[in-house]
Structure formats: structure tokens, C-alpha cells
mmCIF file of all heavy atoms, coordinates in Angstrom:
data_MODEL
# 
_entry.id   MODEL 
# 
loop_
_atom_site.group_PDB 
_atom_site.id 
_atom_site.type_symbol 
_atom_site.label_atom_id 
_atom_site.label_alt_id 
_atom_site.label_comp_id 
_atom_site.label_asym_id 
_atom_site.label_entity_id 
_atom_site.label_seq_id 
_atom_site.pdbx_PDB_ins_code 
_atom_site.Cartn_x 
_atom_site.Cartn_y 
_atom_site.Cartn_z 
_atom_site.occupancy 
_atom_site.B_iso_or_equiv 
_atom_site.pdbx_formal_charge 
_atom_site.auth_seq_id 
_atom_site.auth_comp_id 
_atom_site.auth_asym_id 
_atom_site.auth_atom_id 
_atom_site.pdbx_PDB_model_num 
ATOM 1   N N   . ALA A 1 1  ? 140.512 64.600 -138.047 1.00 0.00 ? 1  ALA A N   1 
ATOM 2   C CA  . ALA A 1 1  ? 139.757 65.746 -137.532 1.00 0.00 ? 1  ALA A CA  1 
ATOM 3   C C   . ALA A 1 1  ? 140.131 65.957 -136.075 1.00 0.00 ? 1  ALA A C   1 
ATOM 4   O O   . ALA A 1 1  ? 140.106 65.005 -135.281 1.00 0.00 ? 1  ALA A O   1 
ATOM 5   C CB  . ALA A 1 1  ? 138.249 65.517 -137.667 1.00 0.00 ? 1  ALA A CB  1 
ATOM 6   N N   . VAL A 1 2  ? 140.468 67.192 -135.742 1.00 0.00 ? 2  VAL A N   1 
ATOM 7   C CA  . VAL A 1 2  ? 140.869 67.520 -134.369 1.00 0.00 ? 2  VAL A CA  1 
ATOM 8   C C   . VAL A 1 2  ? 140.073 68.737 -133.903 1.00 0.00 ? 2  VAL A C   1 
ATOM 9   O O   . VAL A 1 2  ? 140.162 69.814 -134.504 1.00 0.00 ? 2  VAL A O   1 
ATOM 10  C CB  . VAL A 1 2  ? 142.380 67.828 -134.292 1.00 0.00 ? 2  VAL A CB  1 
ATOM 11  C CG1 . VAL A 1 2  ? 142.761 68.202 -132.860 1.00 0.00 ? 2  VAL A CG1 1 
ATOM 12  C CG2 . VAL A 1 2  ? 143.197 66.651 -134.779 1.00 0.00 ? 2  VAL A CG2 1 
ATOM 13  N N   . PRO A 1 3  ? 139.269 68.595 -132.856 1.00 0.00 ? 3  PRO A N   1 
ATOM 14  C CA  . PRO A 1 3  ? 138.568 69.753 -132.315 1.00 0.00 ? 3  PRO A CA  1 
ATOM 15  C C   . PRO A 1 3  ? 139.525 70.660 -131.570 1.00 0.00 ? 3  PRO A C   1 
ATOM 16  O O   . PRO A 1 3  ? 140.479 70.185 -130.939 1.00 0.00 ? 3  PRO A O   1 
ATOM 17  C CB  . PRO A 1 3  ? 137.526 69.137 -131.372 1.00 0.00 ? 3  PRO A CB  1 
ATOM 18  C CG  . PRO A 1 3  ? 138.107 67.818 -130.988 1.00 0.00 ? 3  PRO A CG  1 
ATOM 19  C CD  . PRO A 1 3  ? 138.947 67.357 -132.141 1.00 0.00 ? 3  PRO A CD  1 
ATOM 20  N N   . THR A 1 4  ? 139.308 71.953 -131.637 1.00 0.00 ? 4  THR A N   1 
ATOM 21  C CA  . THR A 1 4  ? 140.154 72.903 -130.921 1.00 0.00 ? 4  THR A CA  1 
ATOM 22  C C   . THR A 1 4  ? 139.349 73.513 -129.781 1.00 0.00 ? 4  THR A C   1 
ATOM 23  O O   . THR A 1 4  ? 138.162 73.245 -129.620 1.00 0.00 ? 4  THR A O   1 
ATOM 24  C CB  . THR A 1 4  ? 140.629 74.028 -131.857 1.00 0.00 ? 4  THR A CB  1 
ATOM 25  O OG1 . THR A 1 4  ? 139.511 74.867 -132.178 1.00 0.00 ? 4  THR A OG1 1 
ATOM 26  C CG2 . THR A 1 4  ? 141.223 73.457 -133.135 1.00 0.00 ? 4  THR A CG2 1 
ATOM 27  N N   . ALA A 1 5  ? 140.012 74.352 -129.015 1.00 0.00 ? 5  ALA A N   1 
ATOM 28  C CA  . ALA A 1 5  ? 139.329 75.047 -127.917 1.00 0.00 ? 5  ALA A CA  1 
ATOM 29  C C   . ALA A 1 5  ? 138.782 76.397 -128.378 1.00 0.00 ? 5  ALA A C   1 
ATOM 30  O O   . ALA A 1 5  ? 138.158 77.115 -127.593 1.00 0.00 ? 5  ALA A O   1 
ATOM 31  C CB  . ALA A 1 5  ? 140.293 75.248 -126.752 1.00 0.00 ? 5  ALA A CB  1 
ATOM 32  N N   . GLU A 1 6  ? 138.997 76.730 -129.650 1.00 0.00 ? 6  GLU A N   1 
ATOM 33  C CA  . GLU A 1 6  ? 138.573 78.036 -130.161 1.00 0.00 ? 6  GLU A CA  1 
ATOM 34  C C   . GLU A 1 6  ? 137.095 78.027 -130.532 1.00 0.00 ? 6  GLU A C   1 
ATOM 35  O O   . GLU A 1 6  ? 136.619 77.135 -131.234 1.00 0.00 ? 6  GLU A O   1 
ATOM 36  C CB  . GLU A 1 6  ? 139.399 78.420 -131.383 1.00 0.00 ? 6  GLU A CB  1 
ATOM 37  C CG  . GLU A 1 6  ? 139.062 79.798 -131.931 1.00 0.00 ? 6  GLU A CG  1 
ATOM 38  C CD  . GLU A 1 6  ? 139.864 80.150 -133.161 1.00 0.00 ? 6  GLU A CD  1 
ATOM 39  O OE1 . GLU A 1 6  ? 140.740 79.347 -133.557 1.00 0.00 ? 6  GLU A OE1 1 
ATOM 40  O OE2 . GLU A 1 6  ? 139.610 81.218 -133.753 1.00 0.00 ? 6  GLU A OE2 1 
ATOM 41  N N   . ARG A 1 7  ? 136.392 79.047 -130.074 1.00 0.00 ? 7  ARG A N   1 
ATOM 42  C CA  . ARG A 1 7  ? 134.963 79.168 -130.374 1.00 0.00 ? 7  ARG A CA  1 
ATOM 43  C C   . ARG A 1 7  ? 134.759 79.547 -131.836 1.00 0.00 ? 7  ARG A C   1 
ATOM 44  O O   . ARG A 1 7  ? 135.418 80.441 -132.365 1.00 0.00 ? 7  ARG A O   1 
ATOM 45  C CB  . ARG A 1 7  ? 134.354 80.248 -129.473 1.00 0.00 ? 7  ARG A CB  1 
ATOM 46  C CG  . ARG A 1 7  ? 132.838 80.322 -129.520 1.00 0.00 ? 7  ARG A CG  1 
ATOM 47  C CD  . ARG A 1 7  ? 132.230 79.261 -128.658 1.00 0.00 ? 7  ARG A CD  1 
ATOM 48  N NE  . ARG A 1 7  ? 130.793 79.427 -128.537 1.00 0.00 ? 7  ARG A NE  1 
ATOM 49  C CZ  . ARG A 1 7  ? 130.015 78.566 -127.930 1.00 0.00 ? 7  ARG A CZ  1 
ATOM 50  N NH1 . ARG A 1 7  ? 130.529 77.484 -127.368 1.00 0.00 ? 7  ARG A NH1 1 
ATOM 51  N NH2 . ARG A 1 7  ? 128.708 78.763 -127.849 1.00 0.00 ? 7  ARG A NH2 1 
ATOM 52  N N   . ALA A 1 8  ? 133.844 78.839 -132.514 1.00 0.00 ? 8  ALA A N   1 
ATOM 53  C CA  . ALA A 1 8  ? 133.547 79.144 -133.913 1.00 0.00 ? 8  ALA A CA  1 
ATOM 54  C C   . ALA A 1 8  ? 132.511 80.261 -134.000 1.00 0.00 ? 8  ALA A C   1 
ATOM 55  O O   . ALA A 1 8  ? 131.613 80.365 -133.159 1.00 0.00 ? 8  ALA A O   1 
ATOM 56  C CB  . ALA A 1 8  ? 133.022 77.896 -134.612 1.00 0.00 ? 8  ALA A CB  1 
ATOM 57  N N   . ARG A 1 9  ? 132.648 81.093 -135.008 1.00 0.00 ? 9  ARG A N   1 
ATOM 58  C CA  . ARG A 1 9  ? 131.646 82.127 -135.232 1.00 0.00 ? 9  ARG A CA  1 
ATOM 59  C C   . ARG A 1 9  ? 130.349 81.489 -135.730 1.00 0.00 ? 9  ARG A C   1 
ATOM 60  O O   . ARG A 1 9  ? 130.387 80.469 -136.418 1.00 0.00 ? 9  ARG A O   1 
ATOM 61  C CB  . ARG A 1 9  ? 132.137 83.127 -136.270 1.00 0.00 ? 9  ARG A CB  1 
ATOM 62  C CG  . ARG A 1 9  ? 133.355 83.927 -135.862 1.00 0.00 ? 9  ARG A CG  1 
ATOM 63  C CD  . ARG A 1 9  ? 133.862 84.739 -137.040 1.00 0.00 ? 9  ARG A CD  1 
ATOM 64  N NE  . ARG A 1 9  ? 134.251 83.867 -138.169 1.00 0.00 ? 9  ARG A NE  1 
ATOM 65  C CZ  . ARG A 1 9  ? 134.524 84.319 -139.381 1.00 0.00 ? 9  ARG A CZ  1 
ATOM 66  N NH1 . ARG A 1 9  ? 134.442 85.617 -139.648 1.00 0.00 ? 9  ARG A NH1 1 
ATOM 67  N NH2 . ARG A 1 9  ? 134.885 83.472 -140.341 1.00 0.00 ? 9  ARG A NH2 1 
ATOM 68  N N   . PRO A 1 10 ? 129.194 82.061 -135.402 1.00 0.00 ? 10 PRO A N   1 
ATOM 69  C CA  . PRO A 1 10 ? 127.937 81.505 -135.916 1.00 0.00 ? 10 PRO A CA  1 
ATOM 70  C C   . PRO A 1 10 ? 127.805 81.758 -137.415 1.00 0.00 ? 10 PRO A C   1 
ATOM 71  O O   . PRO A 1 10 ? 128.152 82.833 -137.906 1.00 0.00 ? 10 PRO A O   1 
ATOM 72  C CB  . PRO A 1 10 ? 126.870 82.262 -135.119 1.00 0.00 ? 10 PRO A CB  1 
ATOM 73  C CG  . PRO A 1 10 ? 127.523 83.542 -134.709 1.00 0.00 ? 10 PRO A CG  1 
ATOM 74  C CD  . PRO A 1 10 ? 128.974 83.216 -134.498 1.00 0.00 ? 10 PRO A CD  1 
ATOM 75  N N   . HIS A 1 11 ? 127.317 80.763 -138.151 1.00 0.00 ? 11 HIS A N   1 
ATOM 76  C CA  . HIS A 1 11 ? 127.108 80.896 -139.588 1.00 0.00 ? 11 HIS A CA  1 
ATOM 77  C C   . HIS A 1 11 ? 125.712 80.396 -139.938 1.00 0.00 ? 11 HIS A C   1 
ATOM 78  O O   . HIS A 1 11 ? 125.238 79.404 -139.371 1.00 0.00 ? 11 HIS A O   1 
ATOM 79  C CB  . HIS A 1 11 ? 128.149 80.088 -140.370 1.00 0.00 ? 11 HIS A CB  1 
ATOM 80  C CG  . HIS A 1 11 ? 129.542 80.622 -140.256 1.00 0.00 ? 11 HIS A CG  1 
ATOM 81  N ND1 . HIS A 1 11 ? 130.002 81.668 -141.012 1.00 0.00 ? 11 HIS A ND1 1 
ATOM 82  C CD2 . HIS A 1 11 ? 130.568 80.250 -139.439 1.00 0.00 ? 11 HIS A CD2 1 
ATOM 83  C CE1 . HIS A 1 11 ? 131.263 81.916 -140.693 1.00 0.00 ? 11 HIS A CE1 1 
ATOM 84  N NE2 . HIS A 1 11 ? 131.630 81.075 -139.728 1.00 0.00 ? 11 HIS A NE2 1 
ATOM 85  N N   . ASP A 1 12 ? 125.082 81.065 -140.871 1.00 0.00 ? 12 ASP A N   1 
ATOM 86  C CA  . ASP A 1 12 ? 123.756 80.665 -141.325 1.00 0.00 ? 12 ASP A CA  1 
ATOM 87  C C   . ASP A 1 12 ? 123.909 79.522 -142.327 1.00 0.00 ? 12 ASP A C   1 
ATOM 88  O O   . ASP A 1 12 ? 124.550 79.679 -143.377 1.00 0.00 ? 12 ASP A O   1 
ATOM 89  C CB  . ASP A 1 12 ? 123.042 81.851 -141.974 1.00 0.00 ? 12 ASP A CB  1 
ATOM 90  C CG  . ASP A 1 12 ? 121.645 81.475 -142.428 1.00 0.00 ? 12 ASP A CG  1 
ATOM 91  O OD1 . ASP A 1 12 ? 120.762 81.366 -141.566 1.00 0.00 ? 12 ASP A OD1 1 
ATOM 92  O OD2 . ASP A 1 12 ? 121.462 81.281 -143.652 1.00 0.00 ? 12 ASP A OD2 1 
ATOM 93  N N   . LEU A 1 13 ? 123.324 78.370 -142.033 1.00 0.00 ? 13 LEU A N   1 
ATOM 94  C CA  . LEU A 1 13 ? 123.477 77.195 -142.879 1.00 0.00 ? 13 LEU A CA  1 
ATOM 95  C C   . LEU A 1 13 ? 122.908 77.434 -144.281 1.00 0.00 ? 13 LEU A C   1 
ATOM 96  O O   . LEU A 1 13 ? 123.519 77.049 -145.280 1.00 0.00 ? 13 LEU A O   1 
ATOM 97  C CB  . LEU A 1 13 ? 122.793 75.995 -142.221 1.00 0.00 ? 13 LEU A CB  1 
ATOM 98  C CG  . LEU A 1 13 ? 122.893 74.652 -142.936 1.00 0.00 ? 13 LEU A CG  1 
ATOM 99  C CD1 . LEU A 1 13 ? 124.350 74.259 -143.139 1.00 0.00 ? 13 LEU A CD1 1 
ATOM 100 C CD2 . LEU A 1 13 ? 122.158 73.573 -142.149 1.00 0.00 ? 13 LEU A CD2 1 
ATOM 101 N N   . THR A 1 14 ? 121.753 78.075 -144.339 1.00 0.00 ? 14 THR A N   1 
ATOM 102 C CA  . THR A 1 14 ? 121.135 78.345 -145.639 1.00 0.00 ? 14 THR A CA  1 
ATOM 103 C C   . THR A 1 14 ? 122.028 79.228 -146.502 1.00 0.00 ? 14 THR A C   1 
ATOM 104 O O   . THR A 1 14 ? 122.183 79.003 -147.706 1.00 0.00 ? 14 THR A O   1 
ATOM 105 C CB  . THR A 1 14 ? 119.767 79.020 -145.450 1.00 0.00 ? 14 THR A CB  1 
ATOM 106 O OG1 . THR A 1 14 ? 118.942 78.187 -144.639 1.00 0.00 ? 14 THR A OG1 1 
ATOM 107 C CG2 . THR A 1 14 ? 119.083 79.254 -146.787 1.00 0.00 ? 14 THR A CG2 1 
ATOM 108 N N   . ALA A 1 15 ? 122.648 80.226 -145.885 1.00 0.00 ? 15 ALA A N   1 
ATOM 109 C CA  . ALA A 1 15 ? 123.524 81.135 -146.635 1.00 0.00 ? 15 ALA A CA  1 
ATOM 110 C C   . ALA A 1 15 ? 124.748 80.398 -147.163 1.00 0.00 ? 15 ALA A C   1 
ATOM 111 O O   . ALA A 1 15 ? 125.202 80.649 -148.289 1.00 0.00 ? 15 ALA A O   1 
ATOM 112 C CB  . ALA A 1 15 ? 123.955 82.295 -145.741 1.00 0.00 ? 15 ALA A CB  1 
ATOM 113 N N   . LEU A 1 16 ? 125.291 79.476 -146.395 1.00 0.00 ? 16 LEU A N   1 
ATOM 114 C CA  . LEU A 1 16 ? 126.456 78.722 -146.842 1.00 0.00 ? 16 LEU A CA  1 
ATOM 115 C C   . LEU A 1 16 ? 126.112 77.792 -148.006 1.00 0.00 ? 16 LEU A C   1 
ATOM 116 O O   . LEU A 1 16 ? 126.954 77.522 -148.867 1.00 0.00 ? 16 LEU A O   1 
ATOM 117 C CB  . LEU A 1 16 ? 127.040 77.906 -145.687 1.00 0.00 ? 16 LEU A CB  1 
ATOM 118 C CG  . LEU A 1 16 ? 127.707 78.700 -144.558 1.00 0.00 ? 16 LEU A CG  1 
ATOM 119 C CD1 . LEU A 1 16 ? 128.227 77.746 -143.492 1.00 0.00 ? 16 LEU A CD1 1 
ATOM 120 C CD2 . LEU A 1 16 ? 128.848 79.553 -145.083 1.00 0.00 ? 16 LEU A CD2 1 
ATOM 121 N N   . LEU A 1 17 ? 124.878 77.295 -148.026 1.00 0.00 ? 17 LEU A N   1 
ATOM 122 C CA  . LEU A 1 17 ? 124.456 76.386 -149.095 1.00 0.00 ? 17 LEU A CA  1 
ATOM 123 C C   . LEU A 1 17 ? 124.019 77.129 -150.353 1.00 0.00 ? 17 LEU A C   1 
ATOM 124 O O   . LEU A 1 17 ? 123.962 76.543 -151.438 1.00 0.00 ? 17 LEU A O   1 
ATOM 125 C CB  . LEU A 1 17 ? 123.307 75.497 -148.609 1.00 0.00 ? 17 LEU A CB  1 
ATOM 126 C CG  . LEU A 1 17 ? 123.640 74.488 -147.506 1.00 0.00 ? 17 LEU A CG  1 
ATOM 127 C CD1 . LEU A 1 17 ? 122.379 73.796 -147.029 1.00 0.00 ? 17 LEU A CD1 1 
ATOM 128 C CD2 . LEU A 1 17 ? 124.647 73.455 -148.000 1.00 0.00 ? 17 LEU A CD2 1 
ATOM 129 N N   . ARG A 1 18 ? 123.726 78.422 -150.217 1.00 0.00 ? 18 ARG A N   1 
ATOM 130 C CA  . ARG A 1 18 ? 123.223 79.187 -151.359 1.00 0.00 ? 18 ARG A CA  1 
ATOM 131 C C   . ARG A 1 18 ? 124.239 79.175 -152.507 1.00 0.00 ? 18 ARG A C   1 
ATOM 132 O O   . ARG A 1 18 ? 125.429 79.398 -152.314 1.00 0.00 ? 18 ARG A O   1 
ATOM 133 C CB  . ARG A 1 18 ? 122.931 80.618 -150.922 1.00 0.00 ? 18 ARG A CB  1 
ATOM 134 C CG  . ARG A 1 18 ? 122.124 81.423 -151.938 1.00 0.00 ? 18 ARG A CG  1 
ATOM 135 C CD  . ARG A 1 18 ? 121.699 82.756 -151.343 1.00 0.00 ? 18 ARG A CD  1 
ATOM 136 N NE  . ARG A 1 18 ? 120.766 82.562 -150.235 1.00 0.00 ? 18 ARG A NE  1 
ATOM 137 C CZ  . ARG A 1 18 ? 120.914 83.084 -149.028 1.00 0.00 ? 18 ARG A CZ  1 
ATOM 138 N NH1 . ARG A 1 18 ? 121.976 83.830 -148.754 1.00 0.00 ? 18 ARG A NH1 1 
ATOM 139 N NH2 . ARG A 1 18 ? 120.022 82.865 -148.087 1.00 0.00 ? 18 ARG A NH2 1 
ATOM 140 N N   . GLY A 1 19 ? 123.753 78.900 -153.688 1.00 0.00 ? 19 GLY A N   1 
ATOM 141 C CA  . GLY A 1 19 ? 124.623 78.870 -154.861 1.00 0.00 ? 19 GLY A CA  1 
ATOM 142 C C   . GLY A 1 19 ? 125.307 77.535 -155.084 1.00 0.00 ? 19 GLY A C   1 
ATOM 143 O O   . GLY A 1 19 ? 126.011 77.357 -156.072 1.00 0.00 ? 19 GLY A O   1 
ATOM 144 N N   . SER A 1 20 ? 125.091 76.572 -154.191 1.00 0.00 ? 20 SER A N   1 
ATOM 145 C CA  . SER A 1 20 ? 125.694 75.256 -154.328 1.00 0.00 ? 20 SER A CA  1 
ATOM 146 C C   . SER A 1 20 ? 124.668 74.252 -154.849 1.00 0.00 ? 20 SER A C   1 
ATOM 147 O O   . SER A 1 20 ? 123.491 74.571 -155.005 1.00 0.00 ? 20 SER A O   1 
ATOM 148 C CB  . SER A 1 20 ? 126.232 74.769 -152.975 1.00 0.00 ? 20 SER A CB  1 
ATOM 149 O OG  . SER A 1 20 ? 125.157 74.397 -152.119 1.00 0.00 ? 20 SER A OG  1 
ATOM 150 N N   . ALA A 1 21 ? 125.117 73.040 -155.098 1.00 0.00 ? 21 ALA A N   1 
ATOM 151 C CA  . ALA A 1 21 ? 124.209 71.991 -155.565 1.00 0.00 ? 21 ALA A CA  1 
ATOM 152 C C   . ALA A 1 21 ? 123.187 71.625 -154.494 1.00 0.00 ? 21 ALA A C   1 
ATOM 153 O O   . ALA A 1 21 ? 122.172 70.988 -154.792 1.00 0.00 ? 21 ALA A O   1 
ATOM 154 C CB  . ALA A 1 21 ? 125.015 70.751 -155.962 1.00 0.00 ? 21 ALA A CB  1 
ATOM 155 N N   . ALA A 1 22 ? 123.443 72.025 -153.250 1.00 0.00 ? 22 ALA A N   1 
ATOM 156 C CA  . ALA A 1 22 ? 122.536 71.704 -152.144 1.00 0.00 ? 22 ALA A CA  1 
ATOM 157 C C   . ALA A 1 22 ? 121.691 72.906 -151.736 1.00 0.00 ? 22 ALA A C   1 
ATOM 158 O O   . ALA A 1 22 ? 121.154 72.944 -150.629 1.00 0.00 ? 22 ALA A O   1 
ATOM 159 C CB  . ALA A 1 22 ? 123.332 71.198 -150.944 1.00 0.00 ? 22 ALA A CB  1 
ATOM 160 N N   . ALA A 1 23 ? 121.555 73.879 -152.629 1.00 0.00 ? 23 ALA A N   1 
ATOM 161 C CA  . ALA A 1 23 ? 120.821 75.103 -152.290 1.00 0.00 ? 23 ALA A CA  1 
ATOM 162 C C   . ALA A 1 23 ? 119.360 74.842 -151.939 1.00 0.00 ? 23 ALA A C   1 
ATOM 163 O O   . ALA A 1 23 ? 118.751 75.607 -151.182 1.00 0.00 ? 23 ALA A O   1 
ATOM 164 C CB  . ALA A 1 23 ? 120.907 76.097 -153.449 1.00 0.00 ? 23 ALA A CB  1 
ATOM 165 N N   . ASP A 1 24 ? 118.793 73.769 -152.485 1.00 0.00 ? 24 ASP A N   1 
ATOM 166 C CA  . ASP A 1 24 ? 117.377 73.464 -152.231 1.00 0.00 ? 24 ASP A CA  1 
ATOM 167 C C   . ASP A 1 24 ? 117.178 72.512 -151.053 1.00 0.00 ? 24 ASP A C   1 
ATOM 168 O O   . ASP A 1 24 ? 116.089 71.962 -150.877 1.00 0.00 ? 24 ASP A O   1 
ATOM 169 C CB  . ASP A 1 24 ? 116.741 72.857 -153.487 1.00 0.00 ? 24 ASP A CB  1 
ATOM 170 C CG  . ASP A 1 24 ? 116.694 73.845 -154.646 1.00 0.00 ? 24 ASP A CG  1 
ATOM 171 O OD1 . ASP A 1 24 ? 116.579 75.061 -154.369 1.00 0.00 ? 24 ASP A OD1 1 
ATOM 172 O OD2 . ASP A 1 24 ? 116.784 73.407 -155.805 1.00 0.00 ? 24 ASP A OD2 1 
ATOM 173 N N   . ALA A 1 25 ? 118.218 72.315 -150.264 1.00 0.00 ? 25 ALA A N   1 
ATOM 174 C CA  . ALA A 1 25 ? 118.104 71.404 -149.117 1.00 0.00 ? 25 ALA A CA  1 
ATOM 175 C C   . ALA A 1 25 ? 117.042 71.893 -148.140 1.00 0.00 ? 25 ALA A C   1 
ATOM 176 O O   . ALA A 1 25 ? 116.905 73.094 -147.903 1.00 0.00 ? 25 ALA A O   1 
ATOM 177 C CB  . ALA A 1 25 ? 119.448 71.288 -148.402 1.00 0.00 ? 25 ALA A CB  1 
ATOM 178 N N   . VAL A 1 26 ? 116.281 70.975 -147.605 1.00 0.00 ? 26 VAL A N   1 
ATOM 179 C CA  . VAL A 1 26 ? 115.232 71.302 -146.633 1.00 0.00 ? 26 VAL A CA  1 
ATOM 180 C C   . VAL A 1 26 ? 115.441 70.471 -145.379 1.00 0.00 ? 26 VAL A C   1 
ATOM 181 O O   . VAL A 1 26 ? 116.054 69.402 -145.411 1.00 0.00 ? 26 VAL A O   1 
ATOM 182 C CB  . VAL A 1 26 ? 113.821 71.039 -147.204 1.00 0.00 ? 26 VAL A CB  1 
ATOM 183 C CG1 . VAL A 1 26 ? 113.541 71.962 -148.384 1.00 0.00 ? 26 VAL A CG1 1 
ATOM 184 C CG2 . VAL A 1 26 ? 113.664 69.574 -147.633 1.00 0.00 ? 26 VAL A CG2 1 
ATOM 185 N N   . ARG A 1 27 ? 114.926 70.961 -144.286 1.00 0.00 ? 27 ARG A N   1 
ATOM 186 C CA  . ARG A 1 27 ? 115.050 70.228 -143.030 1.00 0.00 ? 27 ARG A CA  1 
ATOM 187 C C   . ARG A 1 27 ? 114.123 69.014 -143.063 1.00 0.00 ? 27 ARG A C   1 
ATOM 188 O O   . ARG A 1 27 ? 112.995 69.103 -143.539 1.00 0.00 ? 27 ARG A O   1 
ATOM 189 C CB  . ARG A 1 27 ? 114.659 71.139 -141.861 1.00 0.00 ? 27 ARG A CB  1 
ATOM 190 C CG  . ARG A 1 27 ? 114.998 70.545 -140.501 1.00 0.00 ? 27 ARG A CG  1 
ATOM 191 C CD  . ARG A 1 27 ? 114.749 71.565 -139.393 1.00 0.00 ? 27 ARG A CD  1 
ATOM 192 N NE  . ARG A 1 27 ? 115.495 72.786 -139.625 1.00 0.00 ? 27 ARG A NE  1 
ATOM 193 C CZ  . ARG A 1 27 ? 116.789 72.920 -139.378 1.00 0.00 ? 27 ARG A CZ  1 
ATOM 194 N NH1 . ARG A 1 27 ? 117.479 71.911 -138.906 1.00 0.00 ? 27 ARG A NH1 1 
ATOM 195 N NH2 . ARG A 1 27 ? 117.397 74.055 -139.610 1.00 0.00 ? 27 ARG A NH2 1 
ATOM 196 N N   . PRO A 1 28 ? 114.589 67.836 -142.580 1.00 0.00 ? 28 PRO A N   1 
ATOM 197 C CA  . PRO A 1 28 ? 113.704 66.661 -142.523 1.00 0.00 ? 28 PRO A CA  1 
ATOM 198 C C   . PRO A 1 28 ? 112.415 66.991 -141.792 1.00 0.00 ? 28 PRO A C   1 
ATOM 199 O O   . PRO A 1 28 ? 112.414 67.757 -140.821 1.00 0.00 ? 28 PRO A O   1 
ATOM 200 C CB  . PRO A 1 28 ? 114.541 65.636 -141.738 1.00 0.00 ? 28 PRO A CB  1 
ATOM 201 C CG  . PRO A 1 28 ? 115.959 66.037 -142.014 1.00 0.00 ? 28 PRO A CG  1 
ATOM 202 C CD  . PRO A 1 28 ? 115.943 67.543 -142.093 1.00 0.00 ? 28 PRO A CD  1 
ATOM 203 N N   . THR A 1 29 ? 111.316 66.439 -142.266 1.00 0.00 ? 29 THR A N   1 
ATOM 204 C CA  . THR A 1 29 ? 110.006 66.784 -141.704 1.00 0.00 ? 29 THR A CA  1 
ATOM 205 C C   . THR A 1 29 ? 109.925 66.515 -140.209 1.00 0.00 ? 29 THR A C   1 
ATOM 206 O O   . THR A 1 29 ? 109.211 67.206 -139.481 1.00 0.00 ? 29 THR A O   1 
ATOM 207 C CB  . THR A 1 29 ? 108.891 66.003 -142.425 1.00 0.00 ? 29 THR A CB  1 
ATOM 208 O OG1 . THR A 1 29 ? 109.193 64.590 -142.373 1.00 0.00 ? 29 THR A OG1 1 
ATOM 209 C CG2 . THR A 1 29 ? 108.808 66.422 -143.886 1.00 0.00 ? 29 THR A CG2 1 
ATOM 210 N N   . THR A 1 30 ? 110.673 65.509 -139.730 1.00 0.00 ? 30 THR A N   1 
ATOM 211 C CA  . THR A 1 30 ? 110.617 65.206 -138.295 1.00 0.00 ? 30 THR A CA  1 
ATOM 212 C C   . THR A 1 30 ? 111.305 66.289 -137.459 1.00 0.00 ? 30 THR A C   1 
ATOM 213 O O   . THR A 1 30 ? 111.029 66.412 -136.265 1.00 0.00 ? 30 THR A O   1 
ATOM 214 C CB  . THR A 1 30 ? 111.286 63.862 -137.996 1.00 0.00 ? 30 THR A CB  1 
ATOM 215 O OG1 . THR A 1 30 ? 112.600 63.854 -138.574 1.00 0.00 ? 30 THR A OG1 1 
ATOM 216 C CG2 . THR A 1 30 ? 110.467 62.707 -138.577 1.00 0.00 ? 30 THR A CG2 1 
ATOM 217 N N   . LEU A 1 31 ? 112.213 67.075 -138.086 1.00 0.00 ? 31 LEU A N   1 
ATOM 218 C CA  . LEU A 1 31 ? 112.910 68.118 -137.356 1.00 0.00 ? 31 LEU A CA  1 
ATOM 219 C C   . LEU A 1 31 ? 112.319 69.494 -137.602 1.00 0.00 ? 31 LEU A C   1 
ATOM 220 O O   . LEU A 1 31 ? 112.609 70.440 -136.868 1.00 0.00 ? 31 LEU A O   1 
ATOM 221 C CB  . LEU A 1 31 ? 114.388 68.134 -137.759 1.00 0.00 ? 31 LEU A CB  1 
ATOM 222 C CG  . LEU A 1 31 ? 115.194 66.874 -137.496 1.00 0.00 ? 31 LEU A CG  1 
ATOM 223 C CD1 . LEU A 1 31 ? 116.642 67.074 -137.933 1.00 0.00 ? 31 LEU A CD1 1 
ATOM 224 C CD2 . LEU A 1 31 ? 115.132 66.483 -136.028 1.00 0.00 ? 31 LEU A CD2 1 
# 
């Protein structure tokens, strides 16, 4: 893994997980 100097576009985590096996993922209660 190599980090670059290029800025990443913002992405919605929930949208990326939608339709996957992790679609029901929830934030830990402490967070």
C-alpha cells in the first residue's frame, strides 16, 4: 500500500456498503 499526494473524493460509507454483505453494518455504540 502506497499513499499518494492526490486528494480523494468524499464518499458516503453507507452508500458504498449498500447491496453488499455488510449493508447492515452499524457504528459501534461507543462511536
